[in-house]
Amino acid sequence: QVQLVESGGGLVQTGGSLKLSCAASGRTFSSSTMGWFRQAPGKEREFVAYIHWSGGSNTYYADSVKGRFTISRDNAKNTVYLQMNSLTPEDTAVYYCAARVARNSASTSAGAYDYWGQGTQVSVSS
């Protein structure tokens, strides 16, 4: 069992920055691909970014956030981060982290992830 707890959400003005954190319990973090997804009101949950269990530069981003968001991980702290810069009102959503455990391949599909956090609200005002 893996528990994920997100933090760092809040209200920010257009052009501002936020850094989300997701703390994971359990011993499987280092072998898990970690993803960030988001869901805006009335919309489906969408992929934002993932970082492969091997870490480093093995990351992938949705086109909508590429160049603005950066995903990273600290295996010693069992934590994954999402640095969000140049935020716009279109980034307003509940952000979720997710874990895909013990699979070599990564995925942009929500259905491919095994565990989810409770979400943290990010609101960007114009």
Foldseek 3Di string as FASTA:
>chain_A
DKAKAKDWADEEAAQAKIKMKIAMDDDFLLQKKKFKWWDDPPGDIFGAKIAHSVFDPRMDGDPVQPPFWDWHDDVVRRMIMIIGGRDDQVPWTWMKMFIQTNDRDDDRDPVNTDDIYPTDTHGYHD
